C-alpha atoms as a PDB file:
ATOM      1  CA  UNK A   1     -20.087   1.579  -8.257  1.00  0.00           C
ATOM      2  CA  UNK A   2     -18.676   2.053 -11.731  1.00  0.00           C
ATOM      3  CA  UNK A   3     -19.109  -0.147 -14.784  1.00  0.00           C
ATOM      4  CA  UNK A   4     -15.425  -1.136 -14.708  1.00  0.00           C
ATOM      5  CA  UNK A   5     -15.762  -2.356 -11.130  1.00  0.00           C
ATOM      6  CA  UNK A   6     -18.895  -4.385 -11.881  1.00  0.00           C
ATOM      7  CA  UNK A   7     -17.327  -5.889 -14.998  1.00  0.00           C
ATOM      8  CA  UNK A   8     -14.251  -6.987 -13.031  1.00  0.00           C
ATOM      9  CA  UNK A   9     -16.422  -8.891 -10.575  1.00  0.00           C
ATOM     10  CA  UNK A  10     -18.192 -10.692 -13.417  1.00  0.00           C
ATOM     11  CA  UNK A  11     -15.025 -11.714 -15.240  1.00  0.00           C
ATOM     12  CA  UNK A  12     -14.195 -14.685 -13.090  1.00  0.00           C
ATOM     13  CA  UNK A  13     -11.908 -16.074 -10.447  1.00  0.00           C
ATOM     14  CA  UNK A  14      -9.254 -14.284  -8.439  1.00  0.00           C
ATOM     15  CA  UNK A  15      -5.666 -14.561  -9.701  1.00  0.00           C
ATOM     16  CA  UNK A  16      -4.404 -18.040  -8.648  1.00  0.00           C
ATOM     17  CA  UNK A  17      -1.150 -16.426  -7.469  1.00  0.00           C
ATOM     18  CA  UNK A  18      -3.054 -14.829  -4.599  1.00  0.00           C
ATOM     19  CA  UNK A  19      -4.400 -15.964  -1.240  1.00  0.00           C
ATOM     20  CA  UNK A  20      -8.172 -15.890  -1.758  1.00  0.00           C
ATOM     21  CA  UNK A  21      -9.597 -15.131   1.691  1.00  0.00           C
ATOM     22  CA  UNK A  22      -8.552 -11.850   3.402  1.00  0.00           C
ATOM     23  CA  UNK A  23     -10.569 -12.732   6.512  1.00  0.00           C
ATOM     24  CA  UNK A  24      -8.390 -15.815   7.108  1.00  0.00           C
ATOM     25  CA  UNK A  25      -4.741 -14.881   6.485  1.00  0.00           C
ATOM     26  CA  UNK A  26      -2.251 -17.753   6.125  1.00  0.00           C
ATOM     27  CA  UNK A  27      -0.037 -18.618   9.074  1.00  0.00           C
ATOM     28  CA  UNK A  28       3.080 -17.171   7.492  1.00  0.00           C
ATOM     29  CA  UNK A  29       1.334 -13.807   6.962  1.00  0.00           C
ATOM     30  CA  UNK A  30       0.175 -13.750  10.588  1.00  0.00           C
ATOM     31  CA  UNK A  31       3.689 -14.646  11.735  1.00  0.00           C
ATOM     32  CA  UNK A  32       5.361 -11.922   9.650  1.00  0.00           C
ATOM     33  CA  UNK A  33       2.879  -9.286  10.828  1.00  0.00           C
ATOM     34  CA  UNK A  34       3.267 -10.393  14.465  1.00  0.00           C
ATOM     35  CA  UNK A  35       7.066 -10.265  14.237  1.00  0.00           C
ATOM     36  CA  UNK A  36       6.965  -6.846  12.578  1.00  0.00           C
ATOM     37  CA  UNK A  37       4.577  -5.470  15.193  1.00  0.00           C
ATOM     38  CA  UNK A  38       6.754  -6.704  18.071  1.00  0.00           C
ATOM     39  CA  UNK A  39      10.285  -6.287  16.702  1.00  0.00           C
ATOM     40  CA  UNK A  40      10.190  -3.027  14.760  1.00  0.00           C
ATOM     41  CA  UNK A  41       9.252  -0.867  17.778  1.00  0.00           C
ATOM     42  CA  UNK A  42      12.184  -2.446  19.660  1.00  0.00           C
ATOM     43  CA  UNK A  43      14.655  -1.807  16.851  1.00  0.00           C
ATOM     44  CA  UNK A  44      13.475   1.718  16.006  1.00  0.00           C
ATOM     45  CA  UNK A  45      11.694   4.608  17.692  1.00  0.00           C
ATOM     46  CA  UNK A  46       8.388   4.069  15.895  1.00  0.00           C
ATOM     47  CA  UNK A  47       5.666   6.667  16.353  1.00  0.00           C
ATOM     48  CA  UNK A  48       2.178   6.056  14.961  1.00  0.00           C
ATOM     49  CA  UNK A  49      -0.326   8.881  14.503  1.00  0.00           C
ATOM     50  CA  UNK A  50      -3.970   8.647  13.435  1.00  0.00           C
ATOM     51  CA  UNK A  51      -4.864   4.972  13.837  1.00  0.00           C
ATOM     52  CA  UNK A  52      -8.348   6.074  14.813  1.00  0.00           C
ATOM     53  CA  UNK A  53      -8.748   7.493  11.294  1.00  0.00           C
ATOM     54  CA  UNK A  54      -9.001   4.017   9.785  1.00  0.00           C
ATOM     55  CA  UNK A  55     -12.495   3.331   8.404  1.00  0.00           C
ATOM     56  CA  UNK A  56     -14.039  -0.149   8.389  1.00  0.00           C
ATOM     57  CA  UNK A  57     -12.596  -2.234   5.524  1.00  0.00           C
ATOM     58  CA  UNK A  58     -12.519  -2.419   2.595  1.00  0.00           C
ATOM     59  CA  UNK A  59     -10.546   0.667   1.620  1.00  0.00           C
ATOM     60  CA  UNK A  60      -7.517   1.728  -0.407  1.00  0.00           C
ATOM     61  CA  UNK A  61      -4.285   2.880   1.249  1.00  0.00           C
ATOM     62  CA  UNK A  62      -2.158   5.483  -0.556  1.00  0.00           C
ATOM     63  CA  UNK A  63       1.308   5.899   0.971  1.00  0.00           C
ATOM     64  CA  UNK A  64       4.479   7.685   0.010  1.00  0.00           C
ATOM     65  CA  UNK A  65       7.326   5.368  -0.948  1.00  0.00           C
ATOM     66  CA  UNK A  66      10.764   5.729   0.663  1.00  0.00           C
ATOM     67  CA  UNK A  67      12.192   2.192   0.660  1.00  0.00           C
ATOM     68  CA  UNK A  68      11.399  -1.387  -0.326  1.00  0.00           C
ATOM     69  CA  UNK A  69      10.409  -2.270   3.256  1.00  0.00           C
ATOM     70  CA  UNK A  70       7.746   0.483   3.581  1.00  0.00           C
ATOM     71  CA  UNK A  71       4.929  -2.058   3.441  1.00  0.00           C
ATOM     72  CA  UNK A  72       6.338  -3.999   6.401  1.00  0.00           C
ATOM     73  CA  UNK A  73       6.118  -0.932   8.657  1.00  0.00           C
ATOM     74  CA  UNK A  74       2.566  -0.231   7.502  1.00  0.00           C
ATOM     75  CA  UNK A  75       1.485  -3.828   8.119  1.00  0.00           C
ATOM     76  CA  UNK A  76       3.032  -3.667  11.592  1.00  0.00           C
ATOM     77  CA  UNK A  77       0.645  -0.898  12.702  1.00  0.00           C
ATOM     78  CA  UNK A  78      -2.568  -1.873  10.900  1.00  0.00           C
ATOM     79  CA  UNK A  79      -5.047  -4.424  12.267  1.00  0.00           C
ATOM     80  CA  UNK A  80      -3.877  -7.971  11.536  1.00  0.00           C
ATOM     81  CA  UNK A  81      -7.237  -8.847   9.973  1.00  0.00           C
ATOM     82  CA  UNK A  82      -8.407  -8.604   7.323  1.00  0.00           C
ATOM     83  CA  UNK A  83      -5.257  -9.274   5.341  1.00  0.00           C
ATOM     84  CA  UNK A  84      -3.729  -6.242   3.596  1.00  0.00           C
ATOM     85  CA  UNK A  85      -2.795  -6.802  -0.055  1.00  0.00           C
ATOM     86  CA  UNK A  86       0.013  -5.036  -1.936  1.00  0.00           C
ATOM     87  CA  UNK A  87       0.948  -4.812  -5.620  1.00  0.00           C
ATOM     88  CA  UNK A  88       4.113  -6.507  -6.919  1.00  0.00           C
ATOM     89  CA  UNK A  89       5.538  -6.758 -10.429  1.00  0.00           C
ATOM     90  CA  UNK A  90       4.845 -10.133 -12.033  1.00  0.00           C
ATOM     91  CA  UNK A  91       8.145 -10.177 -13.934  1.00  0.00           C
ATOM     92  CA  UNK A  92      10.395  -9.586 -10.903  1.00  0.00           C
ATOM     93  CA  UNK A  93       8.527 -10.442  -7.692  1.00  0.00           C
ATOM     94  CA  UNK A  94       6.857 -13.564  -9.136  1.00  0.00           C
ATOM     95  CA  UNK A  95       9.655 -14.776 -11.404  1.00  0.00           C
ATOM     96  CA  UNK A  96      10.643 -17.841  -9.323  1.00  0.00           C
ATOM     97  CA  UNK A  97       8.676 -20.694  -7.820  1.00  0.00           C
ATOM     98  CA  UNK A  98       9.711 -19.980  -4.206  1.00  0.00           C
ATOM     99  CA  UNK A  99       8.896 -16.278  -4.552  1.00  0.00           C
ATOM    100  CA  UNK A 100       5.510 -17.092  -6.088  1.00  0.00           C
ATOM    101  CA  UNK A 101       4.733 -19.409  -3.169  1.00  0.00           C
ATOM    102  CA  UNK A 102       5.828 -16.854  -0.560  1.00  0.00           C
ATOM    103  CA  UNK A 103       4.340 -13.689  -2.103  1.00  0.00           C
ATOM    104  CA  UNK A 104       0.951 -15.343  -2.522  1.00  0.00           C
ATOM    105  CA  UNK A 105       0.845 -15.958   1.209  1.00  0.00           C
ATOM    106  CA  UNK A 106       2.069 -12.487   2.131  1.00  0.00           C
ATOM    107  CA  UNK A 107      -0.718 -10.722   0.260  1.00  0.00           C
ATOM    108  CA  UNK A 108       1.425  -9.446  -2.620  1.00  0.00           C
ATOM    109  CA  UNK A 109      -0.478  -9.734  -5.883  1.00  0.00           C
ATOM    110  CA  UNK A 110       1.027  -9.715  -9.379  1.00  0.00           C
ATOM    111  CA  UNK A 111       0.702  -6.878 -11.872  1.00  0.00           C
ATOM    112  CA  UNK A 112       2.239  -6.470 -15.311  1.00  0.00           C
ATOM    113  CA  UNK A 113       2.544  -2.706 -15.852  1.00  0.00           C
ATOM    114  CA  UNK A 114       2.986  -1.399 -19.372  1.00  0.00           C
ATOM    115  CA  UNK A 115       3.875   2.273 -19.936  1.00  0.00           C
ATOM    116  CA  UNK A 116       2.688   3.068 -16.414  1.00  0.00           C
ATOM    117  CA  UNK A 117      -0.689   1.330 -16.847  1.00  0.00           C
ATOM    118  CA  UNK A 118      -1.819  -1.874 -15.151  1.00  0.00           C
ATOM    119  CA  UNK A 119      -2.739  -4.981 -17.110  1.00  0.00           C
ATOM    120  CA  UNK A 120      -6.377  -6.066 -17.132  1.00  0.00           C
ATOM    121  CA  UNK A 121      -5.681  -8.917 -14.711  1.00  0.00           C
ATOM    122  CA  UNK A 122      -4.115  -6.471 -12.260  1.00  0.00           C
ATOM    123  CA  UNK A 123      -7.076  -4.103 -12.528  1.00  0.00           C
ATOM    124  CA  UNK A 124      -9.530  -6.935 -11.956  1.00  0.00           C
ATOM    125  CA  UNK A 125      -7.544  -8.144  -8.938  1.00  0.00           C
ATOM    126  CA  UNK A 126      -7.796  -4.768  -7.182  1.00  0.00           C
ATOM    127  CA  UNK A 127     -11.576  -4.687  -7.554  1.00  0.00           C
ATOM    128  CA  UNK A 128     -12.009  -8.349  -6.622  1.00  0.00           C
ATOM    129  CA  UNK A 129      -9.961  -7.878  -3.450  1.00  0.00           C
ATOM    130  CA  UNK A 130     -11.964  -4.829  -2.449  1.00  0.00           C
ATOM    131  CA  UNK A 131     -15.172  -6.780  -3.070  1.00  0.00           C
ATOM    132  CA  UNK A 132     -13.897  -9.478  -0.691  1.00  0.00           C
ATOM    133  CA  UNK A 133     -13.431  -6.892   2.068  1.00  0.00           C
ATOM    134  CA  UNK A 134      -9.648  -6.433   1.858  1.00  0.00           C
ATOM    135  CA  UNK A 135      -7.637  -3.238   2.296  1.00  0.00           C
ATOM    136  CA  UNK A 136      -5.382  -2.704  -0.748  1.00  0.00           C
ATOM    137  CA  UNK A 137      -2.069  -0.894  -0.291  1.00  0.00           C
ATOM    138  CA  UNK A 138      -0.791   1.184  -3.216  1.00  0.00           C
ATOM    139  CA  UNK A 139       2.287   3.396  -3.532  1.00  0.00           C
ATOM    140  CA  UNK A 140       0.958   5.840  -6.130  1.00  0.00           C
ATOM    141  CA  UNK A 141       4.327   7.532  -6.726  1.00  0.00           C
ATOM    142  CA  UNK A 142       5.461   4.350  -8.454  1.00  0.00           C
ATOM    143  CA  UNK A 143       9.066   4.865  -7.310  1.00  0.00           C
ATOM    144  CA  UNK A 144      10.986   6.048  -4.276  1.00  0.00           C
ATOM    145  CA  UNK A 145      10.790   9.615  -3.011  1.00  0.00           C
ATOM    146  CA  UNK A 146      12.982  11.380  -0.489  1.00  0.00           C
ATOM    147  CA  UNK A 147      12.152  12.959   2.857  1.00  0.00           C
ATOM    148  CA  UNK A 148       8.959  14.987   2.870  1.00  0.00           C
ATOM    149  CA  UNK A 149       8.820  15.449  -0.891  1.00  0.00           C
ATOM    150  CA  UNK A 150       6.366  13.574  -3.120  1.00  0.00           C
ATOM    151  CA  UNK A 151       6.805  12.562  -6.717  1.00  0.00           C
ATOM    152  CA  UNK A 152       3.749  13.027  -8.991  1.00  0.00           C
ATOM    153  CA  UNK A 153       1.063  10.511  -8.104  1.00  0.00           C
ATOM    154  CA  UNK A 154      -0.237   8.086 -10.696  1.00  0.00           C
ATOM    155  CA  UNK A 155      -3.961   8.112 -11.328  1.00  0.00           C
ATOM    156  CA  UNK A 156      -4.718   4.477 -10.544  1.00  0.00           C
ATOM    157  CA  UNK A 157      -5.554   4.809  -6.846  1.00  0.00           C
ATOM    158  CA  UNK A 158      -8.076   7.611  -7.515  1.00  0.00           C
ATOM    159  CA  UNK A 159      -9.612   5.682 -10.410  1.00  0.00           C
ATOM    160  CA  UNK A 160     -10.041   2.575  -8.230  1.00  0.00           C
ATOM    161  CA  UNK A 161     -11.684   4.639  -5.489  1.00  0.00           C
ATOM    162  CA  UNK A 162     -14.172   6.232  -7.877  1.00  0.00           C
ATOM    163  CA  UNK A 163     -15.056   2.939  -9.560  1.00  0.00           C
ATOM    164  CA  UNK A 164     -15.475   1.012  -6.300  1.00  0.00           C
ATOM    165  CA  UNK A 165     -17.069   3.866  -4.332  1.00  0.00           C
ATOM    166  CA  UNK A 166     -14.602   3.302  -1.487  1.00  0.00           C
ATOM    167  CA  UNK A 167     -12.355   5.681   0.459  1.00  0.00           C
ATOM    168  CA  UNK A 168      -8.610   6.240   0.203  1.00  0.00           C
ATOM    169  CA  UNK A 169      -6.649   6.307   3.456  1.00  0.00           C
ATOM    170  CA  UNK A 170      -3.582   8.581   3.068  1.00  0.00           C
ATOM    171  CA  UNK A 171      -0.445   7.421   4.896  1.00  0.00           C
ATOM    172  CA  UNK A 172       2.746   9.460   5.297  1.00  0.00           C
ATOM    173  CA  UNK A 173       5.975   7.666   6.204  1.00  0.00           C
ATOM    174  CA  UNK A 174       9.159   9.363   7.354  1.00  0.00           C
ATOM    175  CA  UNK A 175      12.542   8.089   8.478  1.00  0.00           C
ATOM    176  CA  UNK A 176      12.616   4.997   6.251  1.00  0.00           C
ATOM    177  CA  UNK A 177      15.047   6.095   3.554  1.00  0.00           C
ATOM    178  CA  UNK A 178      17.915   4.742   5.600  1.00  0.00           C
ATOM    179  CA  UNK A 179      17.774   2.891   8.867  1.00  0.00           C
ATOM    180  CA  UNK A 180      19.985   2.215  11.832  1.00  0.00           C
ATOM    181  CA  UNK A 181      19.064   0.932  15.295  1.00  0.00           C
ATOM    182  CA  UNK A 182      16.952   3.410  17.265  1.00  0.00           C
ATOM    183  CA  UNK A 183      16.330   5.655  14.252  1.00  0.00           C
ATOM    184  CA  UNK A 184      13.106   7.675  14.434  1.00  0.00           C
ATOM    185  CA  UNK A 185      10.296   6.417  12.186  1.00  0.00           C
ATOM    186  CA  UNK A 186       6.860   7.970  11.958  1.00  0.00           C
ATOM    187  CA  UNK A 187       3.723   6.584  10.342  1.00  0.00           C
ATOM    188  CA  UNK A 188       0.925   9.122  10.077  1.00  0.00           C
ATOM    189  CA  UNK A 189      -2.554   8.020   8.967  1.00  0.00           C
ATOM    190  CA  UNK A 190      -4.863  10.741   7.716  1.00  0.00           C
ATOM    191  CA  UNK A 191      -8.674  10.835   7.633  1.00  0.00           C
ATOM    192  CA  UNK A 192     -10.217   8.763   4.811  1.00  0.00           C
ATOM    193  CA  UNK A 193     -10.890  10.576   1.546  1.00  0.00           C
ATOM    194  CA  UNK A 194     -14.212   9.608   0.004  1.00  0.00           C
ATOM    195  CA  UNK A 195     -14.821   9.921  -3.744  1.00  0.00           C
ATOM    196  CA  UNK A 196     -17.304  12.559  -4.776  1.00  0.00           C
ATOM    197  CA  UNK A 197     -20.597  11.569  -6.342  1.00  0.00           C
ATOM    198  CA  UNK A 198     -20.772  11.711 -10.161  1.00  0.00           C
ATOM    199  CA  UNK A 199     -22.430  15.017 -10.946  1.00  0.00           C
ATOM    200  CA  UNK A 200     -21.344  17.506 -13.571  1.00  0.00           C
ATOM    201  CA  UNK A 201     -17.620  16.656 -13.568  1.00  0.00           C
ATOM    202  CA  UNK A 202     -16.213  14.221 -16.118  1.00  0.00           C
ATOM    203  CA  UNK A 203     -14.510  11.061 -14.864  1.00  0.00           C
ATOM    204  CA  UNK A 204     -11.071  12.458 -15.710  1.00  0.00           C
ATOM    205  CA  UNK A 205     -11.832  15.647 -13.787  1.00  0.00           C
ATOM    206  CA  UNK A 206     -13.039  13.653 -10.778  1.00  0.00           C
ATOM    207  CA  UNK A 207      -9.917  11.467 -10.877  1.00  0.00           C
ATOM    208  CA  UNK A 208      -7.675  14.537 -11.018  1.00  0.00           C
ATOM    209  CA  UNK A 209      -9.554  16.210  -8.168  1.00  0.00           C
ATOM    210  CA  UNK A 210      -9.410  13.098  -5.964  1.00  0.00           C
ATOM    211  CA  UNK A 211      -5.702  12.623  -6.687  1.00  0.00           C
ATOM    212  CA  UNK A 212      -5.060  16.230  -5.689  1.00  0.00           C
ATOM    213  CA  UNK A 213      -6.866  15.640  -2.392  1.00  0.00           C
ATOM    214  CA  UNK A 214      -4.765  12.512  -1.739  1.00  0.00           C
ATOM    215  CA  UNK A 215      -1.519  14.359  -2.408  1.00  0.00           C
ATOM    216  CA  UNK A 216      -2.589  17.263  -0.188  1.00  0.00           C
ATOM    217  CA  UNK A 217      -3.534  14.863   2.620  1.00  0.00           C
ATOM    218  CA  UNK A 218      -0.204  12.998   2.515  1.00  0.00           C
ATOM    219  CA  UNK A 219       1.706  16.269   2.559  1.00  0.00           C
ATOM    220  CA  UNK A 220      -0.457  17.549   5.425  1.00  0.00           C
ATOM    221  CA  UNK A 221       0.358  14.419   7.422  1.00  0.00           C
ATOM    222  CA  UNK A 222       4.030  15.429   7.316  1.00  0.00           C
ATOM    223  CA  UNK A 223       3.186  18.733   9.023  1.00  0.00           C
ATOM    224  CA  UNK A 224       2.973  17.513  12.626  1.00  0.00           C
ATOM    225  CA  UNK A 225       6.134  15.422  12.554  1.00  0.00           C
ATOM    226  CA  UNK A 226       9.018  15.447  14.891  1.00  0.00           C
ATOM    227  CA  UNK A 227      12.608  15.083  13.742  1.00  0.00           C
ATOM    228  CA  UNK A 228      13.029  12.646  10.869  1.00  0.00           C
ATOM    229  CA  UNK A 229      15.319   9.674  11.348  1.00  0.00           C
ATOM    230  CA  UNK A 230      17.091   9.551   7.990  1.00  0.00           C
ATOM    231  CA  UNK A 231      20.473   8.542   9.340  1.00  0.00           C
ATOM    232  CA  UNK A 232      22.656   5.540   8.707  1.00  0.00           C
ATOM    233  CA  UNK A 233      21.900   2.615   6.471  1.00  0.00           C
ATOM    234  CA  UNK A 234      23.492  -0.497   7.928  1.00  0.00           C
ATOM    235  CA  UNK A 235      20.345  -2.203   9.175  1.00  0.00           C
ATOM    236  CA  UNK A 236      18.457  -1.641   5.933  1.00  0.00           C
ATOM    237  CA  UNK A 237      21.283  -3.319   4.075  1.00  0.00           C
ATOM    238  CA  UNK A 238      21.308  -6.288   6.462  1.00  0.00           C
ATOM    239  CA  UNK A 239      17.554  -6.792   6.091  1.00  0.00           C
ATOM    240  CA  UNK A 240      17.910  -6.495   2.333  1.00  0.00           C
ATOM    241  CA  UNK A 241      20.519  -9.248   2.215  1.00  0.00           C
ATOM    242  CA  UNK A 242      18.339 -11.487   4.389  1.00  0.00           C
ATOM    243  CA  UNK A 243      15.137 -11.044   2.387  1.00  0.00           C
ATOM    244  CA  UNK A 244      16.476 -10.581  -1.100  1.00  0.00           C
ATOM    245  CA  UNK A 245      17.003  -7.925  -3.722  1.00  0.00           C
ATOM    246  CA  UNK A 246      15.171  -4.616  -3.622  1.00  0.00           C
ATOM    247  CA  UNK A 247      11.969  -4.186  -5.492  1.00  0.00           C
ATOM    248  CA  UNK A 248      12.252  -2.076  -8.626  1.00  0.00           C
END
């Protein structure tokens, strides 16, 4: 475990805008996950590959990012406990009292990115959640990609893995750019990627190497896919109007 990880655990309490116990998710989280797990496979042709690749928690999840509802599909196929936590911008996702109340209970934790870097509170939160046994979901592209292509991955997920000494689970999503009833959606979970031990490489070199392995694993997960379901967009728009504006 790295010095940054240990320092984060010594700095104090978890962000008050976050549910503190991943082993005991709130009722609303359990309800949302239950509804997603039962309704999404009825609305779409959902195919899940590689569930047996999941290691025991805690771990980091690195997924490609096609739409604002990506996390809902991932939560629908992962174990319901412990609670999975996801990053959300403090200035947009937590900018109203009702949203702060709801996001806290859905496992979305606030970050305040500046020039692509997380604030200290956001960094501490990731490590504190991992220490409590929670999986942490990150979209390392930082913005939406299209189809089977990946935008350059940001270094944060690899840095967290190296500091915490925990694996990254690569997840490849397809068919979520636009949705219509019965569209094909695939969620492919690759084998966990463990950080290498600190030997002769510098930290930056180890981060770069781990990030390369994550990108390669996500791309490899696309290889065994059937036809992608990137057709239509009506249902995505309906869900968006029901839940609220898209995330940035």
